Amino acid sequence: WGHTKGVETTTGPLGQGVATAVGIAMAQRRVRGLLDPDAAPGESPFD
């Protein structure tokens, strides 16, 4: 991450990518809740 454009997180130690992706998915939901909580599923710019 931060070295090659398009890489969303550093991976390599096995299992870390799956677990980090869970965090990324949780962050997306939290951001949607902060910015656009009432939009229908799939209708928010933050989906």
All heavy atoms as atom14 arrays in JSON, in Angstrom:
{
  "sequence": "WGHTKGVETTTGPLGQGVATAVGIAMAQRRVRGLLDPDAAPGESPFD",
  "atom14_mask": [
    [1, 1, 1, 1, 1, 1, 1, 1, 1, 1, 1, 1, 1, 1],
    [1, 1, 1, 1, 0, 0, 0, 0, 0, 0, 0, 0, 0, 0],
    [1, 1, 1, 1, 1, 1, 1, 1, 1, 1, 0, 0, 0, 0],
    [1, 1, 1, 1, 1, 1, 1, 0, 0, 0, 0, 0, 0, 0],
    [1, 1, 1, 1, 1, 1, 1, 1, 1, 0, 0, 0, 0, 0],
    [1, 1, 1, 1, 0, 0, 0, 0, 0, 0, 0, 0, 0, 0],
    [1, 1, 1, 1, 1, 1, 1, 0, 0, 0, 0, 0, 0, 0],
    [1, 1, 1, 1, 1, 1, 1, 1, 1, 0, 0, 0, 0, 0],
    [1, 1, 1, 1, 1, 1, 1, 0, 0, 0, 0, 0, 0, 0],
    [1, 1, 1, 1, 1, 1, 1, 0, 0, 0, 0, 0, 0, 0],
    [1, 1, 1, 1, 1, 1, 1, 0, 0, 0, 0, 0, 0, 0],
    [1, 1, 1, 1, 0, 0, 0, 0, 0, 0, 0, 0, 0, 0],
    [1, 1, 1, 1, 1, 1, 1, 0, 0, 0, 0, 0, 0, 0],
    [1, 1, 1, 1, 1, 1, 1, 1, 0, 0, 0, 0, 0, 0],
    [1, 1, 1, 1, 0, 0, 0, 0, 0, 0, 0, 0, 0, 0],
    [1, 1, 1, 1, 1, 1, 1, 1, 1, 0, 0, 0, 0, 0],
    [1, 1, 1, 1, 0, 0, 0, 0, 0, 0, 0, 0, 0, 0],
    [1, 1, 1, 1, 1, 1, 1, 0, 0, 0, 0, 0, 0, 0],
    [1, 1, 1, 1, 1, 0, 0, 0, 0, 0, 0, 0, 0, 0],
    [1, 1, 1, 1, 1, 1, 1, 0, 0, 0, 0, 0, 0, 0],
    [1, 1, 1, 1, 1, 0, 0, 0, 0, 0, 0, 0, 0, 0],
    [1, 1, 1, 1, 1, 1, 1, 0, 0, 0, 0, 0, 0, 0],
    [1, 1, 1, 1, 0, 0, 0, 0, 0, 0, 0, 0, 0, 0],
    [1, 1, 1, 1, 1, 1, 1, 1, 0, 0, 0, 0, 0, 0],
    [1, 1, 1, 1, 1, 0, 0, 0, 0, 0, 0, 0, 0, 0],
    [1, 1, 1, 1, 1, 1, 1, 1, 0, 0, 0, 0, 0, 0],
    [1, 1, 1, 1, 1, 0, 0, 0, 0, 0, 0, 0, 0, 0],
    [1, 1, 1, 1, 1, 1, 1, 1, 1, 0, 0, 0, 0, 0],
    [1, 1, 1, 1, 1, 1, 1, 1, 1, 1, 1, 0, 0, 0],
    [1, 1, 1, 1, 1, 1, 1, 1, 1, 1, 1, 0, 0, 0],
    [1, 1, 1, 1, 1, 1, 1, 0, 0, 0, 0, 0, 0, 0],
    [1, 1, 1, 1, 1, 1, 1, 1, 1, 1, 1, 0, 0, 0],
    [1, 1, 1, 1, 0, 0, 0, 0, 0, 0, 0, 0, 0, 0],
    [1, 1, 1, 1, 1, 1, 1, 1, 0, 0, 0, 0, 0, 0],
    [1, 1, 1, 1, 1, 1, 1, 1, 0, 0, 0, 0, 0, 0],
    [1, 1, 1, 1, 1, 1, 1, 1, 0, 0, 0, 0, 0, 0],
    [1, 1, 1, 1, 1, 1, 1, 0, 0, 0, 0, 0, 0, 0],
    [1, 1, 1, 1, 1, 1, 1, 1, 0, 0, 0, 0, 0, 0],
    [1, 1, 1, 1, 1, 0, 0, 0, 0, 0, 0, 0, 0, 0],
    [1, 1, 1, 1, 1, 0, 0, 0, 0, 0, 0, 0, 0, 0],
    [1, 1, 1, 1, 1, 1, 1, 0, 0, 0, 0, 0, 0, 0],
    [1, 1, 1, 1, 0, 0, 0, 0, 0, 0, 0, 0, 0, 0],
    [1, 1, 1, 1, 1, 1, 1, 1, 1, 0, 0, 0, 0, 0],
    [1, 1, 1, 1, 1, 1, 0, 0, 0, 0, 0, 0, 0, 0],
    [1, 1, 1, 1, 1, 1, 1, 0, 0, 0, 0, 0, 0, 0],
    [1, 1, 1, 1, 1, 1, 1, 1, 1, 1, 1, 0, 0, 0],
    [1, 1, 1, 1, 1, 1, 1, 1, 0, 0, 0, 0, 0, 0]
  ],
  "atom14_positions": [
    [[0.84, -1.2, 0.0], [0.0, 0.0, 0.0], [0.88, 1.25, 0.0], [1.86, 1.35, 0.72], [-0.87, -0.01, 1.25], [-1.86, 1.11, 1.36], [-2.88, 1.39, 0.5], [-1.93, 2.09, 2.4], [-3.6, 2.48, 0.95], [-3.04, 2.93, 2.11], [-1.2, 2.34, 3.56], [-3.41, 4.0, 2.94], [-1.56, 3.4, 4.38], [-2.66, 4.21, 4.07]],
    [[0.52, 2.22, -0.86], [1.28, 3.45, -0.95], [2.49, 3.35, -1.85], [3.16, 4.35, -2.1], [0.0, 0.0, 0.0], [0.0, 0.0, 0.0], [0.0, 0.0, 0.0], [0.0, 0.0, 0.0], [0.0, 0.0, 0.0], [0.0, 0.0, 0.0], [0.0, 0.0, 0.0], [0.0, 0.0, 0.0], [0.0, 0.0, 0.0], [0.0, 0.0, 0.0]],
    [[2.77, 2.18, -2.36], [3.93, 1.98, -3.23], [3.52, 1.82, -4.69], [4.16, 2.37, -5.58], [4.71, 0.75, -2.77], [5.98, 0.5, -3.53], [7.13, 1.22, -3.31], [6.27, -0.38, -4.54], [8.08, 0.79, -4.13], [7.57, -0.17, -4.89], [0.0, 0.0, 0.0], [0.0, 0.0, 0.0], [0.0, 0.0, 0.0], [0.0, 0.0, 0.0]],
    [[2.44, 1.07, -4.91], [1.96, 0.8, -6.26], [0.52, 1.28, -6.37], [-0.33, 0.88, -5.57], [2.02, -0.71, -6.56], [3.34, -1.2, -6.28], [1.68, -0.99, -8.01], [0.0, 0.0, 0.0], [0.0, 0.0, 0.0], [0.0, 0.0, 0.0], [0.0, 0.0, 0.0], [0.0, 0.0, 0.0], [0.0, 0.0, 0.0], [0.0, 0.0, 0.0]],
    [[0.24, 2.14, -7.34], [-1.11, 2.65, -7.51], [-2.08, 1.51, -7.78], [-1.81, 0.63, -8.6], [-1.16, 3.66, -8.66], [-0.45, 4.96, -8.37], [-0.55, 5.92, -9.56], [0.16, 7.24, -9.24], [0.12, 8.18, -10.39], [0.0, 0.0, 0.0], [0.0, 0.0, 0.0], [0.0, 0.0, 0.0], [0.0, 0.0, 0.0], [0.0, 0.0, 0.0]],
    [[-3.22, 1.54, -7.1], [-4.22, 0.5, -7.27], [-4.18, -0.57, -6.21], [-5.1, -1.39, -6.12], [0.0, 0.0, 0.0], [0.0, 0.0, 0.0], [0.0, 0.0, 0.0], [0.0, 0.0, 0.0], [0.0, 0.0, 0.0], [0.0, 0.0, 0.0], [0.0, 0.0, 0.0], [0.0, 0.0, 0.0], [0.0, 0.0, 0.0], [0.0, 0.0, 0.0]],
    [[-3.14, -0.57, -5.37], [-3.05, -1.53, -4.27], [-3.71, -0.92, -3.05], [-3.31, 0.15, -2.59], [-1.58, -1.89, -3.98], [-1.46, -2.71, -2.69], [-0.98, -2.66, -5.15], [0.0, 0.0, 0.0], [0.0, 0.0, 0.0], [0.0, 0.0, 0.0], [0.0, 0.0, 0.0], [0.0, 0.0, 0.0], [0.0, 0.0, 0.0], [0.0, 0.0, 0.0]],
    [[-4.73, -1.58, -2.52], [-5.54, -1.02, -1.43], [-4.98, -1.31, -0.04], [-5.31, -0.62, 0.92], [-6.97, -1.58, -1.51], [-7.7, -1.29, -2.82], [-8.19, 0.15, -2.92], [-7.95, 0.94, -1.99], [-8.8, 0.49, -3.94], [0.0, 0.0, 0.0], [0.0, 0.0, 0.0], [0.0, 0.0, 0.0], [0.0, 0.0, 0.0], [0.0, 0.0, 0.0]],
    [[-4.15, -2.33, 0.09], [-3.54, -2.64, 1.38], [-2.37, -3.56, 1.14], [-2.33, -4.31, 0.15], [-4.55, -3.31, 2.33], [-3.93, -3.55, 3.6], [-5.07, -4.64, 1.79], [0.0, 0.0, 0.0], [0.0, 0.0, 0.0], [0.0, 0.0, 0.0], [0.0, 0.0, 0.0], [0.0, 0.0, 0.0], [0.0, 0.0, 0.0], [0.0, 0.0, 0.0]],
    [[-1.4, -3.51, 2.01], [-0.28, -4.44, 1.94], [-0.75, -5.83, 2.35], [-1.42, -5.99, 3.37], [0.86, -3.98, 2.87], [1.31, -2.69, 2.43], [2.02, -4.96, 2.85], [0.0, 0.0, 0.0], [0.0, 0.0, 0.0], [0.0, 0.0, 0.0], [0.0, 0.0, 0.0], [0.0, 0.0, 0.0], [0.0, 0.0, 0.0], [0.0, 0.0, 0.0]],
    [[-0.41, -6.81, 1.55], [-0.75, -8.2, 1.89], [0.49, -9.06, 1.73], [1.52, -8.62, 1.22], [-1.88, -8.74, 0.99], [-1.49, -8.62, -0.39], [-3.17, -7.97, 1.22], [0.0, 0.0, 0.0], [0.0, 0.0, 0.0], [0.0, 0.0, 0.0], [0.0, 0.0, 0.0], [0.0, 0.0, 0.0], [0.0, 0.0, 0.0], [0.0, 0.0, 0.0]],
    [[0.38, -10.27, 2.15], [1.5, -11.2, 2.11], [1.42, -12.16, 3.26], [1.26, -13.37, 3.05], [0.0, 0.0, 0.0], [0.0, 0.0, 0.0], [0.0, 0.0, 0.0], [0.0, 0.0, 0.0], [0.0, 0.0, 0.0], [0.0, 0.0, 0.0], [0.0, 0.0, 0.0], [0.0, 0.0, 0.0], [0.0, 0.0, 0.0], [0.0, 0.0, 0.0]],
    [[1.51, -11.67, 4.52], [1.25, -12.58, 5.64], [-0.17, -13.14, 5.51], [-1.14, -12.39, 5.52], [1.38, -11.67, 6.87], [2.26, -10.54, 6.41], [1.88, -10.33, 4.98], [0.0, 0.0, 0.0], [0.0, 0.0, 0.0], [0.0, 0.0, 0.0], [0.0, 0.0, 0.0], [0.0, 0.0, 0.0], [0.0, 0.0, 0.0], [0.0, 0.0, 0.0]],
    [[-0.28, -14.42, 5.36], [-1.55, -15.0, 4.94], [-2.66, -14.75, 5.96], [-2.45, -14.76, 7.16], [-1.38, -16.5, 4.69], [-0.54, -16.81, 3.45], [-0.21, -18.3, 3.36], [-1.25, -16.36, 2.17], [0.0, 0.0, 0.0], [0.0, 0.0, 0.0], [0.0, 0.0, 0.0], [0.0, 0.0, 0.0], [0.0, 0.0, 0.0], [0.0, 0.0, 0.0]],
    [[-3.84, -14.5, 5.46], [-5.01, -14.21, 6.27], [-5.21, -12.74, 6.52], [-6.34, -12.29, 6.77], [0.0, 0.0, 0.0], [0.0, 0.0, 0.0], [0.0, 0.0, 0.0], [0.0, 0.0, 0.0], [0.0, 0.0, 0.0], [0.0, 0.0, 0.0], [0.0, 0.0, 0.0], [0.0, 0.0, 0.0], [0.0, 0.0, 0.0], [0.0, 0.0, 0.0]],
    [[-4.13, -11.95, 6.46], [-4.25, -10.52, 6.75], [-5.13, -9.81, 5.75], [-5.89, -8.89, 6.1], [-2.86, -9.88, 6.78], [-2.01, -10.26, 7.96], [-2.49, -9.64, 9.26], [-3.1, -8.59, 9.28], [-2.19, -10.3, 10.36], [0.0, 0.0, 0.0], [0.0, 0.0, 0.0], [0.0, 0.0, 0.0], [0.0, 0.0, 0.0], [0.0, 0.0, 0.0]],
    [[-5.05, -10.19, 4.48], [-5.85, -9.52, 3.47], [-7.33, -9.7, 3.7], [-8.12, -8.74, 3.61], [0.0, 0.0, 0.0], [0.0, 0.0, 0.0], [0.0, 0.0, 0.0], [0.0, 0.0, 0.0], [0.0, 0.0, 0.0], [0.0, 0.0, 0.0], [0.0, 0.0, 0.0], [0.0, 0.0, 0.0], [0.0, 0.0, 0.0], [0.0, 0.0, 0.0]],
    [[-7.74, -10.94, 4.0], [-9.15, -11.2, 4.29], [-9.6, -10.35, 5.47], [-10.65, -9.68, 5.43], [-9.38, -12.7, 4.59], [-10.81, -12.93, 5.07], [-9.09, -13.55, 3.36], [0.0, 0.0, 0.0], [0.0, 0.0, 0.0], [0.0, 0.0, 0.0], [0.0, 0.0, 0.0], [0.0, 0.0, 0.0], [0.0, 0.0, 0.0], [0.0, 0.0, 0.0]],
    [[-8.82, -10.35, 6.55], [-9.21, -9.64, 7.76], [-9.22, -8.13, 7.54], [-10.11, -7.42, 8.02], [-8.27, -10.0, 8.9], [0.0, 0.0, 0.0], [0.0, 0.0, 0.0], [0.0, 0.0, 0.0], [0.0, 0.0, 0.0], [0.0, 0.0, 0.0], [0.0, 0.0, 0.0], [0.0, 0.0, 0.0], [0.0, 0.0, 0.0], [0.0, 0.0, 0.0]],
    [[-8.23, -7.62, 6.81], [-8.19, -6.19, 6.53], [-9.37, -5.78, 5.66], [-9.95, -4.7, 5.85], [-6.86, -5.82, 5.85], [-5.77, -6.24, 6.68], [-6.76, -4.32, 5.61], [0.0, 0.0, 0.0], [0.0, 0.0, 0.0], [0.0, 0.0, 0.0], [0.0, 0.0, 0.0], [0.0, 0.0, 0.0], [0.0, 0.0, 0.0], [0.0, 0.0, 0.0]],
    [[-9.74, -6.64, 4.72], [-10.88, -6.35, 3.86], [-12.17, -6.24, 4.66], [-13.06, -5.43, 4.32], [-11.01, -7.43, 2.78], [0.0, 0.0, 0.0], [0.0, 0.0, 0.0], [0.0, 0.0, 0.0], [0.0, 0.0, 0.0], [0.0, 0.0, 0.0], [0.0, 0.0, 0.0], [0.0, 0.0, 0.0], [0.0, 0.0, 0.0], [0.0, 0.0, 0.0]],
    [[-12.29, -7.02, 5.72], [-13.45, -6.88, 6.6], [-13.49, -5.47, 7.18], [-14.53, -4.83, 7.25], [-13.43, -7.95, 7.71], [-14.52, -7.7, 8.74], [-13.6, -9.35, 7.1], [0.0, 0.0, 0.0], [0.0, 0.0, 0.0], [0.0, 0.0, 0.0], [0.0, 0.0, 0.0], [0.0, 0.0, 0.0], [0.0, 0.0, 0.0], [0.0, 0.0, 0.0]],
    [[-12.32, -4.96, 7.58], [-12.26, -3.6, 8.08], [-12.62, -2.57, 7.03], [-13.32, -1.58, 7.32], [0.0, 0.0, 0.0], [0.0, 0.0, 0.0], [0.0, 0.0, 0.0], [0.0, 0.0, 0.0], [0.0, 0.0, 0.0], [0.0, 0.0, 0.0], [0.0, 0.0, 0.0], [0.0, 0.0, 0.0], [0.0, 0.0, 0.0], [0.0, 0.0, 0.0]],
    [[-12.17, -2.78, 5.81], [-12.51, -1.85, 4.73], [-14.02, -1.85, 4.5], [-14.64, -0.79, 4.32], [-11.76, -2.23, 3.43], [-10.24, -2.07, 3.63], [-12.23, -1.38, 2.26], [-9.41, -2.6, 2.47], [0.0, 0.0, 0.0], [0.0, 0.0, 0.0], [0.0, 0.0, 0.0], [0.0, 0.0, 0.0], [0.0, 0.0, 0.0], [0.0, 0.0, 0.0]],
    [[-14.62, -3.03, 4.53], [-16.08, -3.12, 4.34], [-16.83, -2.46, 5.49], [-17.86, -1.8, 5.29], [-16.49, -4.59, 4.21], [0.0, 0.0, 0.0], [0.0, 0.0, 0.0], [0.0, 0.0, 0.0], [0.0, 0.0, 0.0], [0.0, 0.0, 0.0], [0.0, 0.0, 0.0], [0.0, 0.0, 0.0], [0.0, 0.0, 0.0], [0.0, 0.0, 0.0]],
    [[-16.34, -2.61, 6.71], [-16.97, -1.96, 7.85], [-16.83, -0.44, 7.75], [-17.76, 0.31, 8.06], [-16.35, -2.48, 9.15], [-16.72, -3.93, 9.44], [-15.74, -4.71, 10.76], [-16.35, -3.84, 12.2], [0.0, 0.0, 0.0], [0.0, 0.0, 0.0], [0.0, 0.0, 0.0], [0.0, 0.0, 0.0], [0.0, 0.0, 0.0], [0.0, 0.0, 0.0]],
    [[-15.68, 0.02, 7.29], [-15.47, 1.46, 7.12], [-16.45, 2.03, 6.11], [-16.98, 3.14, 6.3], [-14.03, 1.73, 6.69], [0.0, 0.0, 0.0], [0.0, 0.0, 0.0], [0.0, 0.0, 0.0], [0.0, 0.0, 0.0], [0.0, 0.0, 0.0], [0.0, 0.0, 0.0], [0.0, 0.0, 0.0], [0.0, 0.0, 0.0], [0.0, 0.0, 0.0]],
    [[-16.68, 1.3, 5.02], [-17.64, 1.78, 4.02], [-19.01, 2.0, 4.65], [-19.67, 3.01, 4.39], [-17.72, 0.79, 2.86], [-18.65, 1.21, 1.73], [-20.11, 0.8, 1.95], [-20.38, -0.24, 2.54], [-21.04, 1.61, 1.49], [0.0, 0.0, 0.0], [0.0, 0.0, 0.0], [0.0, 0.0, 0.0], [0.0, 0.0, 0.0], [0.0, 0.0, 0.0]],
    [[-19.42, 1.05, 5.48], [-20.75, 1.18, 6.1], [-20.79, 2.34, 7.09], [-21.79, 3.08, 7.16], [-21.13, -0.13, 6.79], [-22.63, -0.21, 7.11], [-23.02, -1.6, 7.53], [-22.82, -1.81, 8.97], [-22.85, -3.0, 9.56], [-23.02, -4.1, 8.82], [-22.7, -3.11, 10.86], [0.0, 0.0, 0.0], [0.0, 0.0, 0.0], [0.0, 0.0, 0.0]],
    [[-19.74, 2.52, 7.85], [-19.69, 3.64, 8.8], [-19.72, 4.98, 8.06], [-20.44, 5.91, 8.46], [-18.44, 3.52, 9.66], [-18.18, 4.72, 10.58], [-19.23, 4.88, 11.66], [-18.95, 6.04, 12.5], [-19.83, 6.62, 13.31], [-21.05, 6.13, 13.42], [-19.49, 7.66, 14.04], [0.0, 0.0, 0.0], [0.0, 0.0, 0.0], [0.0, 0.0, 0.0]],
    [[-18.96, 5.1, 6.98], [-18.95, 6.33, 6.19], [-20.33, 6.62, 5.61], [-20.81, 7.76, 5.65], [-17.88, 6.25, 5.08], [-18.05, 7.39, 4.08], [-16.48, 6.27, 5.68], [0.0, 0.0, 0.0], [0.0, 0.0, 0.0], [0.0, 0.0, 0.0], [0.0, 0.0, 0.0], [0.0, 0.0, 0.0], [0.0, 0.0, 0.0], [0.0, 0.0, 0.0]],
    [[-20.96, 5.6, 5.11], [-22.33, 5.78, 4.59], [-23.26, 6.28, 5.69], [-24.11, 7.14, 5.46], [-22.85, 4.47, 4.01], [-24.12, 4.62, 3.18], [-24.71, 3.24, 2.91], [-25.57, 3.21, 1.75], [-26.86, 3.55, 1.74], [-27.42, 4.01, 2.85], [-27.57, 3.46, 0.64], [0.0, 0.0, 0.0], [0.0, 0.0, 0.0], [0.0, 0.0, 0.0]],
    [[-23.09, 5.73, 6.89], [-23.93, 6.17, 8.0], [-23.68, 7.61, 8.39], [-24.61, 8.32, 8.81], [0.0, 0.0, 0.0], [0.0, 0.0, 0.0], [0.0, 0.0, 0.0], [0.0, 0.0, 0.0], [0.0, 0.0, 0.0], [0.0, 0.0, 0.0], [0.0, 0.0, 0.0], [0.0, 0.0, 0.0], [0.0, 0.0, 0.0], [0.0, 0.0, 0.0]],
    [[-22.43, 8.05, 8.27], [-22.11, 9.44, 8.58], [-22.66, 10.4, 7.54], [-23.08, 11.51, 7.86], [-20.59, 9.63, 8.68], [-19.87, 9.09, 9.92], [-18.37, 9.24, 9.75], [-20.34, 9.82, 11.17], [0.0, 0.0, 0.0], [0.0, 0.0, 0.0], [0.0, 0.0, 0.0], [0.0, 0.0, 0.0], [0.0, 0.0, 0.0], [0.0, 0.0, 0.0]],
    [[-22.64, 9.98, 6.28], [-22.88, 10.92, 5.19], [-24.22, 10.75, 4.49], [-24.8, 11.73, 4.0], [-21.76, 10.79, 4.15], [-20.34, 11.08, 4.66], [-19.32, 10.8, 3.57], [-20.22, 12.5, 5.17], [0.0, 0.0, 0.0], [0.0, 0.0, 0.0], [0.0, 0.0, 0.0], [0.0, 0.0, 0.0], [0.0, 0.0, 0.0], [0.0, 0.0, 0.0]],
    [[-24.72, 9.53, 4.4], [-25.93, 9.31, 3.59], [-26.73, 8.13, 4.14], [-27.02, 7.18, 3.41], [-25.51, 9.04, 2.14], [-26.61, 9.31, 1.14], [-27.59, 9.99, 1.5], [-26.49, 8.85, -0.01], [0.0, 0.0, 0.0], [0.0, 0.0, 0.0], [0.0, 0.0, 0.0], [0.0, 0.0, 0.0], [0.0, 0.0, 0.0], [0.0, 0.0, 0.0]],
    [[-27.16, 8.19, 5.39], [-27.75, 7.01, 6.03], [-29.12, 6.63, 5.5], [-29.53, 5.47, 5.65], [-27.83, 7.42, 7.51], [-27.92, 8.91, 7.48], [-27.05, 9.34, 6.33], [0.0, 0.0, 0.0], [0.0, 0.0, 0.0], [0.0, 0.0, 0.0], [0.0, 0.0, 0.0], [0.0, 0.0, 0.0], [0.0, 0.0, 0.0], [0.0, 0.0, 0.0]],
    [[-29.83, 7.55, 4.9], [-31.22, 7.29, 4.52], [-31.4, 6.83, 3.08], [-32.52, 6.52, 2.67], [-32.07, 8.54, 4.77], [-32.05, 8.96, 6.23], [-32.06, 8.07, 7.1], [-32.0, 10.18, 6.49], [0.0, 0.0, 0.0], [0.0, 0.0, 0.0], [0.0, 0.0, 0.0], [0.0, 0.0, 0.0], [0.0, 0.0, 0.0], [0.0, 0.0, 0.0]],
    [[-30.33, 6.8, 2.31], [-30.44, 6.38, 0.91], [-30.79, 4.9, 0.82], [-30.41, 4.09, 1.68], [-29.14, 6.66, 0.17], [0.0, 0.0, 0.0], [0.0, 0.0, 0.0], [0.0, 0.0, 0.0], [0.0, 0.0, 0.0], [0.0, 0.0, 0.0], [0.0, 0.0, 0.0], [0.0, 0.0, 0.0], [0.0, 0.0, 0.0], [0.0, 0.0, 0.0]],
    [[-31.52, 4.55, -0.22], [-31.85, 3.15, -0.45], [-30.58, 2.37, -0.8], [-29.62, 2.94, -1.32], [-32.87, 3.04, -1.59], [0.0, 0.0, 0.0], [0.0, 0.0, 0.0], [0.0, 0.0, 0.0], [0.0, 0.0, 0.0], [0.0, 0.0, 0.0], [0.0, 0.0, 0.0], [0.0, 0.0, 0.0], [0.0, 0.0, 0.0], [0.0, 0.0, 0.0]],
    [[-30.55, 1.06, -0.52], [-29.36, 0.26, -0.85], [-28.97, 0.41, -2.31], [-29.8, 0.31, -3.21], [-29.81, -1.17, -0.53], [-30.87, -1.01, 0.51], [-31.59, 0.26, 0.15], [0.0, 0.0, 0.0], [0.0, 0.0, 0.0], [0.0, 0.0, 0.0], [0.0, 0.0, 0.0], [0.0, 0.0, 0.0], [0.0, 0.0, 0.0], [0.0, 0.0, 0.0]],
    [[-27.69, 0.69, -2.52], [-27.18, 0.84, -3.88], [-27.42, 2.19, -4.5], [-26.98, 2.44, -5.63], [0.0, 0.0, 0.0], [0.0, 0.0, 0.0], [0.0, 0.0, 0.0], [0.0, 0.0, 0.0], [0.0, 0.0, 0.0], [0.0, 0.0, 0.0], [0.0, 0.0, 0.0], [0.0, 0.0, 0.0], [0.0, 0.0, 0.0], [0.0, 0.0, 0.0]],
    [[-28.07, 3.09, -3.79], [-28.42, 4.4, -4.35], [-27.56, 5.53, -3.81], [-27.74, 6.68, -4.2], [-29.9, 4.71, -4.07], [-30.87, 3.73, -4.69], [-30.77, 3.71, -6.22], [-30.62, 4.8, -6.81], [-30.82, 2.61, -6.8], [0.0, 0.0, 0.0], [0.0, 0.0, 0.0], [0.0, 0.0, 0.0], [0.0, 0.0, 0.0], [0.0, 0.0, 0.0]],
    [[-26.63, 5.25, -2.95], [-25.8, 6.29, -2.35], [-24.48, 6.41, -3.09], [-23.91, 5.4, -3.53], [-25.53, 5.98, -0.88], [-24.58, 6.89, -0.34], [0.0, 0.0, 0.0], [0.0, 0.0, 0.0], [0.0, 0.0, 0.0], [0.0, 0.0, 0.0], [0.0, 0.0, 0.0], [0.0, 0.0, 0.0], [0.0, 0.0, 0.0], [0.0, 0.0, 0.0]],
    [[-23.94, 7.63, -3.21], [-22.59, 7.76, -3.78], [-21.54, 7.05, -2.94], [-20.42, 6.83, -3.42], [-22.36, 9.28, -3.77], [-23.69, 9.91, -3.66], [-24.54, 8.93, -2.89], [0.0, 0.0, 0.0], [0.0, 0.0, 0.0], [0.0, 0.0, 0.0], [0.0, 0.0, 0.0], [0.0, 0.0, 0.0], [0.0, 0.0, 0.0], [0.0, 0.0, 0.0]],
    [[-21.9, 6.69, -1.73], [-20.93, 6.09, -0.82], [-21.08, 4.58, -0.72], [-20.49, 3.94, 0.16], [-21.03, 6.76, 0.55], [-20.99, 8.26, 0.44], [-22.15, 9.01, 0.62], [-19.83, 8.9, 0.07], [-22.12, 10.39, 0.48], [-19.79, 10.27, -0.08], [-20.94, 11.02, 0.12], [0.0, 0.0, 0.0], [0.0, 0.0, 0.0], [0.0, 0.0, 0.0]],
    [[-21.86, 4.01, -1.63], [-21.96, 2.55, -1.71], [-20.84, 2.01, -2.59], [-20.63, 2.48, -3.71], [-23.31, 2.14, -2.31], [-24.46, 2.32, -1.34], [-24.23, 2.24, -0.12], [-25.59, 2.56, -1.8], [0.0, 0.0, 0.0], [0.0, 0.0, 0.0], [0.0, 0.0, 0.0], [0.0, 0.0, 0.0], [0.0, 0.0, 0.0], [0.0, 0.0, 0.0]]
  ]
}
